[in-house]
Amino acid sequence: MDGAVISENTEALLGQADPARFRGKWKLHLRAAKIAWAGLSDDELLASEGRLDLLISLVQERYALSAPEATRRVTNFLSMRDC
């Protein structure tokens, strides 16, 4: 999958989230992301550049979650930040 494109399944699960808006404001959300996912390194979070597909993959891998659970957690993170 091209990192700039979110899969249709992921996009559907994210519902009302606006990936482009979130990606554009990613640096503003880095501190909150680091708090939410302390197991991810600063480098990993920076490298994701707010790309939701990468963030979901990182959360899924690091915390040994299913894809739907990782997507739910990222979706909750987005909704708390009005993205």
PDB file of N, CA and C in Angstrom:
ATOM      1  N   MET A   1       0.848  -1.183   0.000  1.00  0.00           N
ATOM      2  CA  MET A   1       0.000   0.000   0.000  1.00  0.00           C
ATOM      3  C   MET A   1       0.886   1.236   0.000  1.00  0.00           C
ATOM      4  N   ASP A   2       0.558   2.201  -0.793  1.00  0.00           N
ATOM      5  CA  ASP A   2       1.267   3.477  -0.799  1.00  0.00           C
ATOM      6  C   ASP A   2       0.948   4.188   0.502  1.00  0.00           C
ATOM      7  N   GLY A   3       1.977   4.672   1.214  1.00  0.00           N
ATOM      8  CA  GLY A   3       1.785   5.299   2.511  1.00  0.00           C
ATOM      9  C   GLY A   3       0.906   6.522   2.482  1.00  0.00           C
ATOM     10  N   ALA A   4       0.824   7.198   1.337  1.00  0.00           N
ATOM     11  CA  ALA A   4       0.028   8.416   1.259  1.00  0.00           C
ATOM     12  C   ALA A   4      -1.450   8.115   1.098  1.00  0.00           C
ATOM     13  N   VAL A   5      -1.769   6.872   0.844  1.00  0.00           N
ATOM     14  CA  VAL A   5      -3.158   6.493   0.602  1.00  0.00           C
ATOM     15  C   VAL A   5      -3.617   5.566   1.707  1.00  0.00           C
ATOM     16  N   ILE A   6      -4.736   5.887   2.301  1.00  0.00           N
ATOM     17  CA  ILE A   6      -5.311   5.045   3.333  1.00  0.00           C
ATOM     18  C   ILE A   6      -6.225   4.044   2.651  1.00  0.00           C
ATOM     19  N   SER A   7      -6.133   2.794   3.045  1.00  0.00           N
ATOM     20  CA  SER A   7      -6.966   1.776   2.432  1.00  0.00           C
ATOM     21  C   SER A   7      -8.437   2.105   2.660  1.00  0.00           C
ATOM     22  N   GLU A   8      -9.276   1.616   1.764  1.00  0.00           N
ATOM     23  CA  GLU A   8     -10.710   1.889   1.881  1.00  0.00           C
ATOM     24  C   GLU A   8     -11.254   1.330   3.184  1.00  0.00           C
ATOM     25  N   ASN A   9     -10.784   0.154   3.605  1.00  0.00           N
ATOM     26  CA  ASN A   9     -11.261  -0.428   4.856  1.00  0.00           C
ATOM     27  C   ASN A   9     -10.915   0.451   6.037  1.00  0.00           C
ATOM     28  N   THR A  10      -9.690   0.930   6.092  1.00  0.00           N
ATOM     29  CA  THR A  10      -9.272   1.795   7.192  1.00  0.00           C
ATOM     30  C   THR A  10     -10.058   3.092   7.164  1.00  0.00           C
ATOM     31  N   GLU A  11     -10.215   3.657   5.994  1.00  0.00           N
ATOM     32  CA  GLU A  11     -10.954   4.915   5.872  1.00  0.00           C
ATOM     33  C   GLU A  11     -12.390   4.737   6.346  1.00  0.00           C
ATOM     34  N   ALA A  12     -13.014   3.611   6.000  1.00  0.00           N
ATOM     35  CA  ALA A  12     -14.385   3.351   6.428  1.00  0.00           C
ATOM     36  C   ALA A  12     -14.464   3.224   7.943  1.00  0.00           C
ATOM     37  N   LEU A  13     -13.479   2.556   8.545  1.00  0.00           N
ATOM     38  CA  LEU A  13     -13.471   2.401   9.989  1.00  0.00           C
ATOM     39  C   LEU A  13     -13.254   3.728  10.707  1.00  0.00           C
ATOM     40  N   LEU A  14     -12.542   4.635  10.073  1.00  0.00           N
ATOM     41  CA  LEU A  14     -12.268   5.923  10.690  1.00  0.00           C
ATOM     42  C   LEU A  14     -13.471   6.858  10.645  1.00  0.00           C
ATOM     43  N   GLY A  15     -14.436   6.545   9.814  1.00  0.00           N
ATOM     44  CA  GLY A  15     -15.670   7.316   9.776  1.00  0.00           C
ATOM     45  C   GLY A  15     -15.467   8.761   9.412  1.00  0.00           C
ATOM     46  N   GLN A  16     -15.758   9.650  10.344  1.00  0.00           N
ATOM     47  CA  GLN A  16     -15.746  11.082  10.083  1.00  0.00           C
ATOM     48  C   GLN A  16     -14.362  11.724  10.170  1.00  0.00           C
ATOM     49  N   ALA A  17     -13.362  10.972  10.562  1.00  0.00           N
ATOM     50  CA  ALA A  17     -12.021  11.551  10.685  1.00  0.00           C
ATOM     51  C   ALA A  17     -11.551  12.070   9.332  1.00  0.00           C
ATOM     52  N   ASP A  18     -10.863  13.165   9.354  1.00  0.00           N
ATOM     53  CA  ASP A  18     -10.337  13.770   8.136  1.00  0.00           C
ATOM     54  C   ASP A  18      -8.830  13.546   8.106  1.00  0.00           C
ATOM     55  N   PRO A  19      -8.382  12.485   7.402  1.00  0.00           N
ATOM     56  CA  PRO A  19      -6.957  12.155   7.403  1.00  0.00           C
ATOM     57  C   PRO A  19      -6.060  13.296   6.928  1.00  0.00           C
ATOM     58  N   ALA A  20      -6.487  14.036   5.929  1.00  0.00           N
ATOM     59  CA  ALA A  20      -5.663  15.131   5.406  1.00  0.00           C
ATOM     60  C   ALA A  20      -5.508  16.229   6.455  1.00  0.00           C
ATOM     61  N   ARG A  21      -6.583  16.528   7.146  1.00  0.00           N
ATOM     62  CA  ARG A  21      -6.546  17.553   8.189  1.00  0.00           C
ATOM     63  C   ARG A  21      -5.618  17.117   9.326  1.00  0.00           C
ATOM     64  N   PHE A  22      -5.757  15.852   9.730  1.00  0.00           N
ATOM     65  CA  PHE A  22      -4.919  15.328  10.802  1.00  0.00           C
ATOM     66  C   PHE A  22      -3.453  15.345  10.392  1.00  0.00           C
ATOM     67  N   ARG A  23      -3.173  14.907   9.187  1.00  0.00           N
ATOM     68  CA  ARG A  23      -1.795  14.857   8.709  1.00  0.00           C
ATOM     69  C   ARG A  23      -1.186  16.265   8.662  1.00  0.00           C
ATOM     70  N   GLY A  24      -1.988  17.235   8.245  1.00  0.00           N
ATOM     71  CA  GLY A  24      -1.499  18.605   8.170  1.00  0.00           C
ATOM     72  C   GLY A  24      -1.172  19.199   9.531  1.00  0.00           C
ATOM     73  N   LYS A  25      -1.813  18.691  10.569  1.00  0.00           N
ATOM     74  CA  LYS A  25      -1.595  19.208  11.919  1.00  0.00           C
ATOM     75  C   LYS A  25      -0.835  18.217  12.790  1.00  0.00           C
ATOM     76  N   TRP A  26      -0.181  17.250  12.179  1.00  0.00           N
ATOM     77  CA  TRP A  26       0.466  16.179  12.925  1.00  0.00           C
ATOM     78  C   TRP A  26       1.432  16.693  13.978  1.00  0.00           C
ATOM     79  N   LYS A  27       2.253  17.658  13.642  1.00  0.00           N
ATOM     80  CA  LYS A  27       3.248  18.138  14.609  1.00  0.00           C
ATOM     81  C   LYS A  27       2.587  18.736  15.848  1.00  0.00           C
ATOM     82  N   LEU A  28       1.376  19.248  15.697  1.00  0.00           N
ATOM     83  CA  LEU A  28       0.648  19.777  16.846  1.00  0.00           C
ATOM     84  C   LEU A  28       0.148  18.662  17.762  1.00  0.00           C
ATOM     85  N   HIS A  29       0.005  17.467  17.197  1.00  0.00           N
ATOM     86  CA  HIS A  29      -0.537  16.330  17.944  1.00  0.00           C
ATOM     87  C   HIS A  29       0.545  15.393  18.474  1.00  0.00           C
ATOM     88  N   LEU A  30       1.799  15.658  18.178  1.00  0.00           N
ATOM     89  CA  LEU A  30       2.872  14.736  18.562  1.00  0.00           C
ATOM     90  C   LEU A  30       2.962  14.497  20.062  1.00  0.00           C
ATOM     91  N   ARG A  31       2.860  15.542  20.862  1.00  0.00           N
ATOM     92  CA  ARG A  31       2.968  15.373  22.311  1.00  0.00           C
ATOM     93  C   ARG A  31       1.834  14.480  22.827  1.00  0.00           C
ATOM     94  N   ALA A  32       0.626  14.729  22.363  1.00  0.00           N
ATOM     95  CA  ALA A  32      -0.509  13.911  22.789  1.00  0.00           C
ATOM     96  C   ALA A  32      -0.344  12.470  22.316  1.00  0.00           C
ATOM     97  N   ALA A  33       0.193  12.284  21.107  1.00  0.00           N
ATOM     98  CA  ALA A  33       0.421  10.932  20.584  1.00  0.00           C
ATOM     99  C   ALA A  33       1.465  10.214  21.432  1.00  0.00           C
ATOM    100  N   LYS A  34       2.496  10.925  21.847  1.00  0.00           N
ATOM    101  CA  LYS A  34       3.529  10.320  22.677  1.00  0.00           C
ATOM    102  C   LYS A  34       2.959   9.901  24.027  1.00  0.00           C
ATOM    103  N   ILE A  35       2.043  10.686  24.565  1.00  0.00           N
ATOM    104  CA  ILE A  35       1.393  10.324  25.828  1.00  0.00           C
ATOM    105  C   ILE A  35       0.488   9.114  25.621  1.00  0.00           C
ATOM    106  N   ALA A  36      -0.278   9.126  24.543  1.00  0.00           N
ATOM    107  CA  ALA A  36      -1.215   8.034  24.266  1.00  0.00           C
ATOM    108  C   ALA A  36      -0.490   6.729  23.988  1.00  0.00           C
ATOM    109  N   TRP A  37       0.623   6.813  23.287  1.00  0.00           N
ATOM    110  CA  TRP A  37       1.361   5.615  22.886  1.00  0.00           C
ATOM    111  C   TRP A  37       2.820   5.746  23.292  1.00  0.00           C
ATOM    112  N   ALA A  38       3.056   5.724  24.594  1.00  0.00           N
ATOM    113  CA  ALA A  38       4.414   5.906  25.122  1.00  0.00           C
ATOM    114  C   ALA A  38       5.370   4.826  24.637  1.00  0.00           C
ATOM    115  N   GLY A  39       4.839   3.698  24.198  1.00  0.00           N
ATOM    116  CA  GLY A  39       5.674   2.621  23.689  1.00  0.00           C
ATOM    117  C   GLY A  39       6.249   2.887  22.317  1.00  0.00           C
ATOM    118  N   LEU A  40       5.780   3.924  21.656  1.00  0.00           N
ATOM    119  CA  LEU A  40       6.327   4.297  20.348  1.00  0.00           C
ATOM    120  C   LEU A  40       7.407   5.347  20.557  1.00  0.00           C
ATOM    121  N   SER A  41       8.479   5.217  19.822  1.00  0.00           N
ATOM    122  CA  SER A  41       9.570   6.183  19.959  1.00  0.00           C
ATOM    123  C   SER A  41       9.204   7.501  19.274  1.00  0.00           C
ATOM    124  N   ASP A  42       9.904   8.532  19.669  1.00  0.00           N
ATOM    125  CA  ASP A  42       9.724   9.832  19.014  1.00  0.00           C
ATOM    126  C   ASP A  42      10.007   9.705  17.527  1.00  0.00           C
ATOM    127  N   ASP A  43      11.059   8.961  17.189  1.00  0.00           N
ATOM    128  CA  ASP A  43      11.417   8.775  15.778  1.00  0.00           C
ATOM    129  C   ASP A  43      10.302   8.088  14.999  1.00  0.00           C
ATOM    130  N   GLU A  44       9.683   7.075  15.598  1.00  0.00           N
ATOM    131  CA  GLU A  44       8.584   6.381  14.924  1.00  0.00           C
ATOM    132  C   GLU A  44       7.409   7.319  14.691  1.00  0.00           C
ATOM    133  N   LEU A  45       7.069   8.080  15.717  1.00  0.00           N
ATOM    134  CA  LEU A  45       5.948   9.011  15.581  1.00  0.00           C
ATOM    135  C   LEU A  45       6.245  10.083  14.538  1.00  0.00           C
ATOM    136  N   LEU A  46       7.439  10.619  14.562  1.00  0.00           N
ATOM    137  CA  LEU A  46       7.816  11.622  13.559  1.00  0.00           C
ATOM    138  C   LEU A  46       7.815  11.040  12.158  1.00  0.00           C
ATOM    139  N   ALA A  47       8.348   9.833  12.018  1.00  0.00           N
ATOM    140  CA  ALA A  47       8.434   9.194  10.702  1.00  0.00           C
ATOM    141  C   ALA A  47       7.062   8.874  10.124  1.00  0.00           C
ATOM    142  N   SER A  48       6.067   8.671  10.988  1.00  0.00           N
ATOM    143  CA  SER A  48       4.725   8.375  10.476  1.00  0.00           C
ATOM    144  C   SER A  48       4.112   9.581   9.780  1.00  0.00           C
ATOM    145  N   GLU A  49       4.609  10.772  10.101  1.00  0.00           N
ATOM    146  CA  GLU A  49       4.158  12.020   9.474  1.00  0.00           C
ATOM    147  C   GLU A  49       2.637  12.191   9.511  1.00  0.00           C
ATOM    148  N   GLY A  50       2.003  11.609  10.513  1.00  0.00           N
ATOM    149  CA  GLY A  50       0.557  11.727  10.621  1.00  0.00           C
ATOM    150  C   GLY A  50      -0.209  10.870   9.636  1.00  0.00           C
ATOM    151  N   ARG A  51       0.480   9.968   8.957  1.00  0.00           N
ATOM    152  CA  ARG A  51      -0.193   9.062   8.017  1.00  0.00           C
ATOM    153  C   ARG A  51      -0.912   8.002   8.830  1.00  0.00           C
ATOM    154  N   LEU A  52      -2.220   8.007   8.763  1.00  0.00           N
ATOM    155  CA  LEU A  52      -3.023   7.160   9.627  1.00  0.00           C
ATOM    156  C   LEU A  52      -2.737   5.685   9.425  1.00  0.00           C
ATOM    157  N   ASP A  53      -2.481   5.276   8.191  1.00  0.00           N
ATOM    158  CA  ASP A  53      -2.193   3.861   7.955  1.00  0.00           C
ATOM    159  C   ASP A  53      -0.929   3.443   8.689  1.00  0.00           C
ATOM    160  N   LEU A  54       0.089   4.296   8.696  1.00  0.00           N
ATOM    161  CA  LEU A  54       1.323   3.977   9.414  1.00  0.00           C
ATOM    162  C   LEU A  54       1.124   4.023  10.916  1.00  0.00           C
ATOM    163  N   LEU A  55       0.387   4.999  11.392  1.00  0.00           N
ATOM    164  CA  LEU A  55       0.134   5.117  12.823  1.00  0.00           C
ATOM    165  C   LEU A  55      -0.640   3.900  13.325  1.00  0.00           C
ATOM    166  N   ILE A  56      -1.650   3.492  12.588  1.00  0.00           N
ATOM    167  CA  ILE A  56      -2.422   2.300  12.968  1.00  0.00           C
ATOM    168  C   ILE A  56      -1.510   1.074  12.980  1.00  0.00           C
ATOM    169  N   SER A  57      -0.677   0.934  11.964  1.00  0.00           N
ATOM    170  CA  SER A  57       0.247  -0.209  11.906  1.00  0.00           C
ATOM    171  C   SER A  57       1.218  -0.210  13.076  1.00  0.00           C
ATOM    172  N   LEU A  58       1.756   0.957  13.409  1.00  0.00           N
ATOM    173  CA  LEU A  58       2.680   1.056  14.538  1.00  0.00           C
ATOM    174  C   LEU A  58       2.001   0.673  15.848  1.00  0.00           C
ATOM    175  N   VAL A  59       0.811   1.206  16.069  1.00  0.00           N
ATOM    176  CA  VAL A  59       0.062   0.913  17.295  1.00  0.00           C
ATOM    177  C   VAL A  59      -0.268  -0.578  17.337  1.00  0.00           C
ATOM    178  N   GLN A  60      -0.705  -1.123  16.227  1.00  0.00           N
ATOM    179  CA  GLN A  60      -1.062  -2.546  16.163  1.00  0.00           C
ATOM    180  C   GLN A  60       0.151  -3.422  16.500  1.00  0.00           C
ATOM    181  N   GLU A  61       1.281  -3.126  15.879  1.00  0.00           N
ATOM    182  CA  GLU A  61       2.475  -3.939  16.079  1.00  0.00           C
ATOM    183  C   GLU A  61       3.042  -3.801  17.485  1.00  0.00           C
ATOM    184  N   ARG A  62       3.198  -2.574  17.947  1.00  0.00           N
ATOM    185  CA  ARG A  62       3.854  -2.343  19.238  1.00  0.00           C
ATOM    186  C   ARG A  62       3.036  -2.881  20.400  1.00  0.00           C
ATOM    187  N   TYR A  63       1.709  -2.772  20.304  1.00  0.00           N
ATOM    188  CA  TYR A  63       0.858  -3.178  21.418  1.00  0.00           C
ATOM    189  C   TYR A  63       0.164  -4.517  21.184  1.00  0.00           C
ATOM    190  N   ALA A  64       0.585  -5.230  20.130  1.00  0.00           N
ATOM    191  CA  ALA A  64       0.048  -6.563  19.809  1.00  0.00           C
ATOM    192  C   ALA A  64      -1.482  -6.560  19.777  1.00  0.00           C
ATOM    193  N   LEU A  65      -2.032  -5.625  19.010  1.00  0.00           N
ATOM    194  CA  LEU A  65      -3.485  -5.471  18.883  1.00  0.00           C
ATOM    195  C   LEU A  65      -3.957  -5.999  17.536  1.00  0.00           C
ATOM    196  N   SER A  66      -5.223  -6.317  17.469  1.00  0.00           N
ATOM    197  CA  SER A  66      -5.818  -6.644  16.180  1.00  0.00           C
ATOM    198  C   SER A  66      -5.927  -5.351  15.375  1.00  0.00           C
ATOM    199  N   ALA A  67      -6.059  -5.486  14.068  1.00  0.00           N
ATOM    200  CA  ALA A  67      -6.198  -4.295  13.218  1.00  0.00           C
ATOM    201  C   ALA A  67      -7.422  -3.468  13.619  1.00  0.00           C
ATOM    202  N   PRO A  68      -8.584  -4.106  13.852  1.00  0.00           N
ATOM    203  CA  PRO A  68      -9.743  -3.292  14.255  1.00  0.00           C
ATOM    204  C   PRO A  68      -9.535  -2.574  15.594  1.00  0.00           C
ATOM    205  N   GLU A  69      -8.860  -3.223  16.538  1.00  0.00           N
ATOM    206  CA  GLU A  69      -8.623  -2.575  17.833  1.00  0.00           C
ATOM    207  C   GLU A  69      -7.643  -1.413  17.695  1.00  0.00           C
ATOM    208  N   ALA A  70      -6.590  -1.588  16.919  1.00  0.00           N
ATOM    209  CA  ALA A  70      -5.641  -0.495  16.695  1.00  0.00           C
ATOM    210  C   ALA A  70      -6.343   0.667  15.998  1.00  0.00           C
ATOM    211  N   THR A  71      -7.187   0.360  15.026  1.00  0.00           N
ATOM    212  CA  THR A  71      -7.936   1.396  14.321  1.00  0.00           C
ATOM    213  C   THR A  71      -8.878   2.114  15.275  1.00  0.00           C
ATOM    214  N   ARG A  72      -9.528   1.370  16.170  1.00  0.00           N
ATOM    215  CA  ARG A  72     -10.430   1.982  17.154  1.00  0.00           C
ATOM    216  C   ARG A  72      -9.662   2.948  18.048  1.00  0.00           C
ATOM    217  N   ARG A  73      -8.488   2.551  18.478  1.00  0.00           N
ATOM    218  CA  ARG A  73      -7.702   3.411  19.364  1.00  0.00           C
ATOM    219  C   ARG A  73      -7.235   4.686  18.653  1.00  0.00           C
ATOM    220  N   VAL A  74      -6.821   4.540  17.418  1.00  0.00           N
ATOM    221  CA  VAL A  74      -6.414   5.725  16.659  1.00  0.00           C
ATOM    222  C   VAL A  74      -7.632   6.610  16.397  1.00  0.00           C
ATOM    223  N   THR A  75      -8.763   6.004  16.101  1.00  0.00           N
ATOM    224  CA  THR A  75      -9.998   6.760  15.883  1.00  0.00           C
ATOM    225  C   THR A  75     -10.379   7.539  17.136  1.00  0.00           C
ATOM    226  N   ASN A  76     -10.263   6.898  18.300  1.00  0.00           N
ATOM    227  CA  ASN A  76     -10.547   7.601  19.548  1.00  0.00           C
ATOM    228  C   ASN A  76      -9.597   8.765  19.749  1.00  0.00           C
ATOM    229  N   PHE A  77      -8.338   8.559  19.431  1.00  0.00           N
ATOM    230  CA  PHE A  77      -7.347   9.626  19.532  1.00  0.00           C
ATOM    231  C   PHE A  77      -7.743  10.799  18.641  1.00  0.00           C
ATOM    232  N   LEU A  78      -8.155  10.504  17.422  1.00  0.00           N
ATOM    233  CA  LEU A  78      -8.568  11.559  16.475  1.00  0.00           C
ATOM    234  C   LEU A  78      -9.797  12.298  16.984  1.00  0.00           C
ATOM    235  N   SER A  79     -10.770  11.560  17.485  1.00  0.00           N
ATOM    236  CA  SER A  79     -12.014  12.205  17.914  1.00  0.00           C
ATOM    237  C   SER A  79     -11.772  13.113  19.109  1.00  0.00           C
ATOM    238  N   MET A  80     -10.818  12.755  19.962  1.00  0.00           N
ATOM    239  CA  MET A  80     -10.499  13.599  21.114  1.00  0.00           C
ATOM    240  C   MET A  80      -9.808  14.898  20.685  1.00  0.00           C
ATOM    241  N   ARG A  81      -9.283  14.914  19.468  1.00  0.00           N
ATOM    242  CA  ARG A  81      -8.590  16.086  18.961  1.00  0.00           C
ATOM    243  C   ARG A  81      -9.375  16.794  17.857  1.00  0.00           C
ATOM    244  N   ASP A  82     -10.628  16.428  17.698  1.00  0.00           N
ATOM    245  CA  ASP A  82     -11.509  17.063  16.707  1.00  0.00           C
ATOM    246  C   ASP A  82     -10.917  17.036  15.312  1.00  0.00           C
ATOM    247  N   CYS A  83     -10.440  15.867  14.889  1.00  0.00           N
ATOM    248  CA  CYS A  83      -9.841  15.727  13.557  1.00  0.00           C
ATOM    249  C   CYS A  83     -10.849  15.138  12.594  1.00  0.00           C
TER     250      CYS A  83
END
